[in-house]
């Protein structure tokens, strides 16, 4: 079974990473964290946002970008950036691809982006808006990738707990 992968490059805000971790657990997605992190993984805000899902998270930490590349040499990586030329919904996501997001204050370094122009994707926004919240951005792009892969291994029907209709 293939799994999508979310990569966070030097995330700074524990609540965002906690929310992203929870989304990854709910979708069967792997989370990759490239250090340095702007927080400790045992911080209260991270645990609060991730709720009790954090222990079920498939998460890997990397010392730096080179460590990530060395351990994932064949990774097909899409890079979410406001500088991207392709809208995130125009890309065909492979079932085992990696979708990378940069740190909240600066995004993915341009030195990395410039080496991958065809893999740079963006979420459209109006006006002078600089960016969306990181955890919201991850959810938007991840669910498009999941949709394209037919929500493989996910529950597609739901039922109310008390009422049936």
N, C-alpha and C. Protein backbone atom coordinates (compact mmCIF):
# COMPACT_ATOMS: atom_id res chain seq x y z
N UNK A 1 0.84 -1.19 0.00
CA UNK A 1 0.00 0.00 0.00
C UNK A 1 0.89 1.25 0.00
N UNK A 2 0.63 2.14 -0.91
CA UNK A 2 1.39 3.39 -1.00
C UNK A 2 0.84 4.40 0.01
N UNK A 3 1.70 5.26 0.48
CA UNK A 3 1.29 6.32 1.39
C UNK A 3 1.80 7.64 0.89
N UNK A 4 0.97 8.66 0.99
CA UNK A 4 1.43 10.01 0.73
C UNK A 4 2.32 10.45 1.88
N UNK A 5 3.12 11.46 1.62
CA UNK A 5 4.08 11.96 2.60
C UNK A 5 3.99 13.48 2.69
N UNK A 6 3.96 14.00 3.90
CA UNK A 6 4.03 15.44 4.12
C UNK A 6 5.40 15.72 4.73
N UNK A 7 6.09 16.72 4.18
CA UNK A 7 7.40 17.12 4.66
C UNK A 7 7.30 18.55 5.17
N UNK A 8 7.73 18.77 6.41
CA UNK A 8 7.78 20.12 6.96
C UNK A 8 9.24 20.53 7.10
N UNK A 9 9.61 21.57 6.39
CA UNK A 9 10.97 22.08 6.43
C UNK A 9 11.08 23.10 7.56
N UNK A 10 11.78 22.75 8.61
CA UNK A 10 12.05 23.62 9.75
C UNK A 10 10.80 24.30 10.32
N UNK A 11 9.77 23.53 10.67
CA UNK A 11 8.56 24.16 11.22
C UNK A 11 8.87 24.89 12.53
N UNK A 12 8.14 25.99 12.77
CA UNK A 12 8.44 26.86 13.90
C UNK A 12 7.36 26.86 14.99
N UNK A 13 6.12 26.59 14.63
CA UNK A 13 5.00 26.75 15.55
C UNK A 13 4.45 25.37 15.94
N UNK A 14 4.55 25.01 17.22
CA UNK A 14 4.14 23.66 17.62
C UNK A 14 2.68 23.33 17.34
N UNK A 15 1.78 24.30 17.48
CA UNK A 15 0.36 24.02 17.24
C UNK A 15 0.12 23.64 15.78
N UNK A 16 0.81 24.28 14.85
CA UNK A 16 0.67 23.91 13.44
C UNK A 16 1.12 22.48 13.21
N UNK A 17 2.27 22.14 13.73
CA UNK A 17 2.79 20.78 13.54
C UNK A 17 1.89 19.77 14.22
N UNK A 18 1.34 20.10 15.37
CA UNK A 18 0.39 19.20 16.03
C UNK A 18 -0.85 18.96 15.20
N UNK A 19 -1.40 20.04 14.64
CA UNK A 19 -2.58 19.91 13.77
C UNK A 19 -2.25 19.08 12.52
N UNK A 20 -1.09 19.32 11.95
CA UNK A 20 -0.67 18.57 10.76
C UNK A 20 -0.49 17.10 11.10
N UNK A 21 0.10 16.82 12.25
CA UNK A 21 0.25 15.43 12.69
C UNK A 21 -1.09 14.74 12.83
N UNK A 22 -2.05 15.42 13.39
CA UNK A 22 -3.41 14.86 13.53
C UNK A 22 -4.02 14.58 12.16
N UNK A 23 -3.86 15.50 11.21
CA UNK A 23 -4.36 15.29 9.86
C UNK A 23 -3.66 14.10 9.21
N UNK A 24 -2.38 13.96 9.43
CA UNK A 24 -1.63 12.83 8.87
C UNK A 24 -2.15 11.50 9.43
N UNK A 25 -2.41 11.43 10.72
CA UNK A 25 -2.95 10.20 11.31
C UNK A 25 -4.32 9.89 10.69
N UNK A 26 -5.15 10.91 10.55
CA UNK A 26 -6.51 10.71 10.03
C UNK A 26 -6.52 10.28 8.56
N UNK A 27 -5.43 10.51 7.85
CA UNK A 27 -5.39 10.20 6.42
C UNK A 27 -4.39 9.10 6.07
N UNK A 28 -3.71 8.54 7.07
CA UNK A 28 -2.73 7.51 6.80
C UNK A 28 -1.51 8.04 6.06
N UNK A 29 -1.16 9.28 6.33
CA UNK A 29 -0.06 9.97 5.67
C UNK A 29 1.16 9.99 6.59
N UNK A 30 2.32 9.82 6.02
CA UNK A 30 3.56 9.90 6.79
C UNK A 30 3.97 11.36 6.94
N UNK A 31 4.56 11.70 8.09
CA UNK A 31 5.05 13.05 8.34
C UNK A 31 6.57 13.01 8.47
N UNK A 32 7.23 13.94 7.78
CA UNK A 32 8.68 14.05 7.80
C UNK A 32 9.02 15.46 8.31
N UNK A 33 9.85 15.54 9.35
CA UNK A 33 10.22 16.82 9.94
C UNK A 33 11.71 17.07 9.72
N UNK A 34 12.02 18.16 9.02
CA UNK A 34 13.41 18.52 8.77
C UNK A 34 13.82 19.57 9.79
N UNK A 35 14.83 19.27 10.57
CA UNK A 35 15.32 20.15 11.62
C UNK A 35 16.18 21.27 11.03
N UNK A 36 16.37 22.34 11.82
CA UNK A 36 15.96 22.48 13.20
C UNK A 36 14.47 22.82 13.33
N UNK A 37 13.86 22.30 14.39
CA UNK A 37 12.48 22.61 14.71
C UNK A 37 12.46 23.83 15.62
N UNK A 38 11.41 24.62 15.56
CA UNK A 38 11.29 25.79 16.41
C UNK A 38 10.69 25.48 17.77
N UNK A 39 10.68 24.21 18.15
CA UNK A 39 10.05 23.75 19.38
C UNK A 39 10.56 22.35 19.69
N UNK A 40 10.24 21.86 20.87
CA UNK A 40 10.55 20.48 21.25
C UNK A 40 9.30 19.63 20.99
N UNK A 41 9.48 18.40 20.60
CA UNK A 41 8.35 17.54 20.28
C UNK A 41 7.50 17.19 21.50
N UNK A 42 7.98 17.48 22.69
CA UNK A 42 7.16 17.21 23.87
C UNK A 42 6.44 18.45 24.39
N UNK A 43 6.43 19.53 23.63
CA UNK A 43 5.77 20.75 24.08
C UNK A 43 4.26 20.58 24.17
N UNK A 44 3.69 21.26 25.16
CA UNK A 44 2.26 21.15 25.44
C UNK A 44 1.40 21.55 24.25
N UNK A 45 1.77 22.63 23.54
CA UNK A 45 0.97 23.10 22.40
C UNK A 45 0.92 22.05 21.29
N UNK A 46 2.03 21.35 21.07
CA UNK A 46 2.08 20.31 20.05
C UNK A 46 1.14 19.17 20.43
N UNK A 47 1.22 18.74 21.65
CA UNK A 47 0.37 17.64 22.12
C UNK A 47 -1.11 18.04 22.14
N UNK A 48 -1.38 19.28 22.53
CA UNK A 48 -2.77 19.74 22.58
C UNK A 48 -3.38 19.74 21.18
N UNK A 49 -2.64 20.28 20.20
CA UNK A 49 -3.16 20.34 18.84
C UNK A 49 -3.26 18.96 18.22
N UNK A 50 -2.30 18.08 18.52
CA UNK A 50 -2.32 16.73 17.98
C UNK A 50 -3.22 15.79 18.74
N UNK A 51 -3.72 16.26 19.89
CA UNK A 51 -4.59 15.48 20.77
C UNK A 51 -3.94 14.13 21.08
N UNK A 52 -4.74 13.12 21.21
CA UNK A 52 -4.18 11.82 21.57
C UNK A 52 -3.78 11.02 20.33
N UNK A 53 -3.71 11.68 19.18
CA UNK A 53 -3.34 11.01 17.94
C UNK A 53 -1.83 10.92 17.75
N UNK A 54 -1.08 11.75 18.45
CA UNK A 54 0.35 11.86 18.18
C UNK A 54 1.08 10.52 18.31
N UNK A 55 0.68 9.68 19.28
CA UNK A 55 1.36 8.40 19.45
C UNK A 55 1.13 7.46 18.27
N UNK A 56 0.10 7.72 17.45
CA UNK A 56 -0.19 6.88 16.28
C UNK A 56 0.44 7.42 14.99
N UNK A 57 1.15 8.51 15.10
CA UNK A 57 1.71 9.18 13.92
C UNK A 57 2.96 8.47 13.42
N UNK A 58 3.03 8.27 12.12
CA UNK A 58 4.23 7.77 11.45
C UNK A 58 5.09 8.99 11.12
N UNK A 59 6.07 9.29 11.98
CA UNK A 59 6.86 10.51 11.84
C UNK A 59 8.35 10.17 11.84
N UNK A 60 9.09 10.87 10.97
CA UNK A 60 10.53 10.71 10.89
C UNK A 60 11.17 12.09 10.95
N UNK A 61 12.25 12.19 11.72
CA UNK A 61 12.98 13.45 11.84
C UNK A 61 14.29 13.35 11.07
N UNK A 62 14.72 14.49 10.52
CA UNK A 62 15.96 14.56 9.77
C UNK A 62 16.79 15.72 10.30
N UNK A 63 18.10 15.55 10.32
CA UNK A 63 19.00 16.58 10.84
C UNK A 63 18.94 17.84 9.99
N UNK A 64 18.83 17.67 8.65
CA UNK A 64 18.77 18.81 7.73
C UNK A 64 18.28 18.33 6.38
N UNK A 65 18.23 19.23 5.40
CA UNK A 65 17.74 18.93 4.06
C UNK A 65 18.55 17.82 3.40
N UNK A 66 19.87 17.88 3.54
CA UNK A 66 20.73 16.87 2.94
C UNK A 66 20.46 15.49 3.53
N UNK A 67 20.21 15.42 4.83
CA UNK A 67 19.87 14.16 5.49
C UNK A 67 18.57 13.60 4.92
N UNK A 68 17.58 14.47 4.73
CA UNK A 68 16.30 14.05 4.14
C UNK A 68 16.52 13.48 2.74
N UNK A 69 17.26 14.20 1.90
CA UNK A 69 17.51 13.74 0.54
C UNK A 69 18.28 12.43 0.53
N UNK A 70 19.25 12.30 1.42
CA UNK A 70 20.04 11.08 1.49
C UNK A 70 19.22 9.87 1.87
N UNK A 71 18.23 10.06 2.72
CA UNK A 71 17.39 8.94 3.18
C UNK A 71 16.17 8.70 2.31
N UNK A 72 15.90 9.61 1.38
CA UNK A 72 14.76 9.49 0.45
C UNK A 72 15.21 9.84 -0.96
N UNK A 73 16.20 9.11 -1.49
CA UNK A 73 16.83 9.52 -2.76
C UNK A 73 15.91 9.48 -3.98
N UNK A 74 14.90 8.66 -3.96
CA UNK A 74 13.99 8.53 -5.11
C UNK A 74 12.69 9.31 -4.93
N UNK A 75 12.61 10.13 -3.92
CA UNK A 75 11.36 10.83 -3.59
C UNK A 75 10.95 11.81 -4.69
N UNK A 76 9.69 11.72 -5.10
CA UNK A 76 9.09 12.71 -5.99
C UNK A 76 8.51 13.78 -5.07
N UNK A 77 9.09 14.97 -5.08
CA UNK A 77 8.73 16.00 -4.11
C UNK A 77 8.05 17.18 -4.80
N UNK A 78 6.85 17.51 -4.34
CA UNK A 78 6.17 18.73 -4.75
C UNK A 78 6.39 19.75 -3.64
N UNK A 79 6.69 20.97 -4.00
CA UNK A 79 7.04 22.00 -3.03
C UNK A 79 6.00 23.11 -3.05
N UNK A 80 5.28 23.24 -1.95
CA UNK A 80 4.24 24.27 -1.84
C UNK A 80 4.90 25.60 -1.49
N UNK A 81 4.65 26.58 -2.35
CA UNK A 81 5.26 27.88 -2.17
C UNK A 81 4.42 28.95 -2.87
N UNK A 82 4.42 30.14 -2.32
CA UNK A 82 3.72 31.24 -2.97
C UNK A 82 4.42 31.64 -4.27
N UNK A 83 5.62 31.13 -4.49
CA UNK A 83 6.38 31.44 -5.70
C UNK A 83 6.15 30.41 -6.81
N UNK A 84 5.33 29.40 -6.55
CA UNK A 84 5.09 28.34 -7.52
C UNK A 84 4.35 28.82 -8.75
N UNK A 85 4.63 28.22 -9.88
CA UNK A 85 3.98 28.58 -11.14
C UNK A 85 2.76 27.70 -11.41
N UNK A 86 2.64 26.57 -10.72
CA UNK A 86 1.54 25.63 -10.96
C UNK A 86 0.56 25.65 -9.79
N UNK A 87 -0.72 25.70 -10.09
CA UNK A 87 -1.74 25.61 -9.04
C UNK A 87 -1.77 24.17 -8.53
N UNK A 88 -1.88 24.00 -7.23
CA UNK A 88 -1.80 22.68 -6.60
C UNK A 88 -2.77 21.67 -7.20
N UNK A 89 -3.91 22.11 -7.69
CA UNK A 89 -4.92 21.19 -8.24
C UNK A 89 -4.63 20.78 -9.68
N UNK A 90 -3.62 21.37 -10.31
CA UNK A 90 -3.25 21.04 -11.68
C UNK A 90 -2.20 19.93 -11.77
N UNK A 91 -1.67 19.53 -10.63
CA UNK A 91 -0.61 18.52 -10.56
C UNK A 91 -1.25 17.15 -10.39
N UNK A 92 -0.64 16.11 -10.96
CA UNK A 92 -1.08 14.73 -10.75
C UNK A 92 -0.18 14.11 -9.69
N UNK A 93 -0.74 13.91 -8.50
CA UNK A 93 0.04 13.40 -7.37
C UNK A 93 0.13 11.88 -7.40
N UNK A 94 1.34 11.37 -7.39
CA UNK A 94 1.56 9.94 -7.31
C UNK A 94 1.18 9.46 -5.90
N UNK A 95 0.76 8.19 -5.76
CA UNK A 95 0.30 7.69 -4.45
C UNK A 95 1.37 7.69 -3.36
N UNK A 96 2.63 7.77 -3.73
CA UNK A 96 3.70 7.76 -2.72
C UNK A 96 4.56 9.02 -2.79
N UNK A 97 4.02 10.11 -3.34
CA UNK A 97 4.80 11.33 -3.47
C UNK A 97 4.96 12.04 -2.12
N UNK A 98 5.84 13.03 -2.14
CA UNK A 98 6.12 13.86 -0.97
C UNK A 98 5.65 15.27 -1.28
N UNK A 99 4.94 15.89 -0.34
CA UNK A 99 4.49 17.27 -0.51
C UNK A 99 5.14 18.07 0.61
N UNK A 100 5.97 19.02 0.22
CA UNK A 100 6.82 19.74 1.18
C UNK A 100 6.31 21.15 1.40
N UNK A 101 6.39 21.58 2.65
CA UNK A 101 5.98 22.92 3.07
C UNK A 101 7.11 23.53 3.89
N UNK A 102 7.31 24.82 3.74
CA UNK A 102 8.39 25.50 4.45
C UNK A 102 7.98 26.04 5.79
N UNK A 103 8.95 26.61 6.48
CA UNK A 103 8.68 27.18 7.80
C UNK A 103 7.75 28.38 7.69
N UNK A 104 7.02 28.61 8.77
CA UNK A 104 5.97 29.62 8.77
C UNK A 104 6.48 31.02 8.43
N UNK A 105 7.67 31.39 8.88
CA UNK A 105 8.16 32.76 8.69
C UNK A 105 8.80 33.02 7.33
N UNK A 106 9.23 31.95 6.63
CA UNK A 106 9.99 32.20 5.41
C UNK A 106 9.73 31.21 4.28
N UNK A 107 8.99 30.15 4.51
CA UNK A 107 8.74 29.17 3.47
C UNK A 107 9.95 28.29 3.20
N UNK A 108 9.95 27.66 2.04
CA UNK A 108 11.07 26.83 1.60
C UNK A 108 12.13 27.76 1.02
N UNK A 109 13.40 27.59 1.38
CA UNK A 109 14.43 28.48 0.85
C UNK A 109 14.46 28.48 -0.68
N UNK A 110 14.66 29.65 -1.26
CA UNK A 110 14.69 29.78 -2.71
C UNK A 110 15.83 28.97 -3.33
N UNK A 111 16.90 28.73 -2.57
CA UNK A 111 18.01 27.91 -3.07
C UNK A 111 17.55 26.49 -3.36
N UNK A 112 16.55 26.02 -2.64
CA UNK A 112 15.97 24.69 -2.89
C UNK A 112 14.94 24.79 -4.02
N UNK A 113 14.08 25.79 -3.96
CA UNK A 113 13.01 25.94 -4.95
C UNK A 113 13.56 26.07 -6.37
N UNK A 114 14.61 26.82 -6.52
CA UNK A 114 15.14 27.10 -7.86
C UNK A 114 15.64 25.83 -8.55
N UNK A 115 15.95 24.81 -7.77
CA UNK A 115 16.40 23.54 -8.33
C UNK A 115 15.22 22.65 -8.77
N UNK A 116 13.99 23.05 -8.42
CA UNK A 116 12.80 22.23 -8.69
C UNK A 116 11.64 23.06 -9.22
N UNK A 117 11.81 23.89 -10.23
CA UNK A 117 10.73 24.79 -10.65
C UNK A 117 9.46 24.07 -11.12
N UNK A 118 9.59 22.91 -11.75
CA UNK A 118 8.42 22.19 -12.23
C UNK A 118 7.61 21.55 -11.11
N UNK A 119 8.23 21.36 -9.95
CA UNK A 119 7.55 20.74 -8.82
C UNK A 119 7.01 21.76 -7.83
N UNK A 120 7.16 23.05 -8.12
CA UNK A 120 6.67 24.10 -7.21
C UNK A 120 5.19 24.35 -7.48
N UNK A 121 4.40 24.23 -6.43
CA UNK A 121 2.95 24.40 -6.54
C UNK A 121 2.50 25.53 -5.62
N UNK A 122 1.35 26.09 -5.94
CA UNK A 122 0.83 27.19 -5.12
C UNK A 122 -0.67 27.04 -4.90
N UNK A 123 -1.14 27.64 -3.83
CA UNK A 123 -2.56 27.74 -3.54
C UNK A 123 -2.98 29.16 -3.93
N UNK A 124 -3.93 29.32 -4.84
CA UNK A 124 -4.33 30.67 -5.26
C UNK A 124 -4.92 31.48 -4.10
N UNK A 125 -4.61 32.75 -4.09
CA UNK A 125 -5.13 33.68 -3.08
C UNK A 125 -5.39 35.02 -3.76
N UNK A 126 -6.22 35.85 -3.16
CA UNK A 126 -6.51 37.17 -3.72
C UNK A 126 -5.63 38.23 -3.08
N UNK A 127 -5.45 39.31 -3.83
CA UNK A 127 -4.82 40.51 -3.30
C UNK A 127 -3.40 40.31 -2.81
N UNK A 128 -3.10 41.01 -1.75
CA UNK A 128 -1.75 41.03 -1.19
C UNK A 128 -1.56 40.02 -0.07
N UNK A 129 -2.43 39.04 0.03
CA UNK A 129 -2.28 38.02 1.08
C UNK A 129 -0.95 37.30 0.87
N UNK A 130 -0.13 37.26 1.93
CA UNK A 130 1.19 36.64 1.81
C UNK A 130 1.11 35.12 1.81
N UNK A 131 0.27 34.57 2.70
CA UNK A 131 0.20 33.12 2.79
C UNK A 131 -0.98 32.71 3.67
N UNK A 132 -1.30 31.44 3.62
CA UNK A 132 -2.30 30.85 4.51
C UNK A 132 -1.59 30.23 5.71
N UNK A 133 -2.34 29.87 6.73
CA UNK A 133 -1.79 29.14 7.86
C UNK A 133 -1.22 27.82 7.37
N UNK A 134 -0.09 27.41 7.91
CA UNK A 134 0.59 26.21 7.46
C UNK A 134 -0.29 24.96 7.56
N UNK A 135 -0.96 24.76 8.68
CA UNK A 135 -1.77 23.54 8.80
C UNK A 135 -2.96 23.56 7.83
N UNK A 136 -3.51 24.73 7.55
CA UNK A 136 -4.58 24.82 6.54
C UNK A 136 -4.04 24.50 5.16
N UNK A 137 -2.87 25.02 4.83
CA UNK A 137 -2.26 24.76 3.53
C UNK A 137 -2.00 23.27 3.32
N UNK A 138 -1.47 22.62 4.35
CA UNK A 138 -1.21 21.18 4.26
C UNK A 138 -2.52 20.44 4.00
N UNK A 139 -3.57 20.77 4.74
CA UNK A 139 -4.85 20.08 4.56
C UNK A 139 -5.41 20.28 3.15
N UNK A 140 -5.33 21.48 2.63
CA UNK A 140 -5.85 21.77 1.29
C UNK A 140 -5.15 20.90 0.24
N UNK A 141 -3.84 20.92 0.24
CA UNK A 141 -3.08 20.20 -0.78
C UNK A 141 -3.16 18.69 -0.55
N UNK A 142 -3.05 18.25 0.69
CA UNK A 142 -3.11 16.82 0.98
C UNK A 142 -4.44 16.22 0.55
N UNK A 143 -5.53 16.88 0.83
CA UNK A 143 -6.83 16.31 0.44
C UNK A 143 -7.04 16.31 -1.08
N UNK A 144 -6.40 17.22 -1.80
CA UNK A 144 -6.45 17.14 -3.25
C UNK A 144 -5.67 15.91 -3.73
N UNK A 145 -4.51 15.68 -3.14
CA UNK A 145 -3.72 14.49 -3.51
C UNK A 145 -4.48 13.21 -3.15
N UNK A 146 -5.13 13.19 -2.01
CA UNK A 146 -5.94 12.03 -1.61
C UNK A 146 -7.11 11.82 -2.57
N UNK A 147 -7.78 12.92 -2.95
CA UNK A 147 -8.90 12.83 -3.89
C UNK A 147 -8.44 12.22 -5.21
N UNK A 148 -7.31 12.72 -5.71
CA UNK A 148 -6.80 12.21 -6.97
C UNK A 148 -6.46 10.72 -6.89
N UNK A 149 -6.12 10.25 -5.70
CA UNK A 149 -5.79 8.84 -5.50
C UNK A 149 -6.99 8.06 -4.96
N UNK A 150 -8.19 8.61 -5.19
CA UNK A 150 -9.46 7.96 -4.88
C UNK A 150 -9.62 7.63 -3.39
N UNK A 151 -9.04 8.46 -2.53
CA UNK A 151 -9.14 8.28 -1.08
C UNK A 151 -8.86 6.83 -0.69
N UNK A 152 -7.81 6.26 -1.28
CA UNK A 152 -7.47 4.87 -1.07
C UNK A 152 -7.36 4.53 0.42
N UNK A 153 -8.02 3.46 0.82
CA UNK A 153 -8.02 2.94 2.19
C UNK A 153 -8.64 3.88 3.21
N UNK A 154 -9.46 4.81 2.76
CA UNK A 154 -10.12 5.74 3.68
C UNK A 154 -11.61 5.43 3.74
N UNK A 155 -12.22 5.72 4.85
CA UNK A 155 -13.66 5.52 5.03
C UNK A 155 -14.40 6.60 4.24
N UNK A 156 -15.23 6.17 3.30
CA UNK A 156 -15.93 7.13 2.45
C UNK A 156 -17.39 7.33 2.82
N UNK A 157 -17.91 6.51 3.70
CA UNK A 157 -19.29 6.70 4.12
C UNK A 157 -19.32 6.89 5.63
N UNK A 158 -20.24 7.69 6.07
CA UNK A 158 -20.35 7.96 7.50
C UNK A 158 -21.76 7.73 7.98
N UNK A 159 -21.90 7.72 9.28
CA UNK A 159 -23.21 7.48 9.87
C UNK A 159 -23.30 8.27 11.16
N UNK A 160 -24.45 8.85 11.39
CA UNK A 160 -24.67 9.56 12.65
C UNK A 160 -24.71 8.57 13.80
N UNK A 161 -24.31 9.00 14.95
CA UNK A 161 -24.25 8.11 16.10
C UNK A 161 -25.64 7.76 16.65
N UNK A 162 -26.54 8.73 16.71
CA UNK A 162 -27.85 8.47 17.31
C UNK A 162 -28.97 8.41 16.29
N UNK A 163 -28.93 9.23 15.28
CA UNK A 163 -30.00 9.32 14.31
C UNK A 163 -29.57 8.68 13.01
N UNK A 164 -30.50 8.09 12.33
CA UNK A 164 -30.20 7.47 11.03
C UNK A 164 -31.07 8.12 9.97
N UNK A 165 -30.48 8.53 8.84
CA UNK A 165 -31.22 9.17 7.77
C UNK A 165 -30.61 8.84 6.44
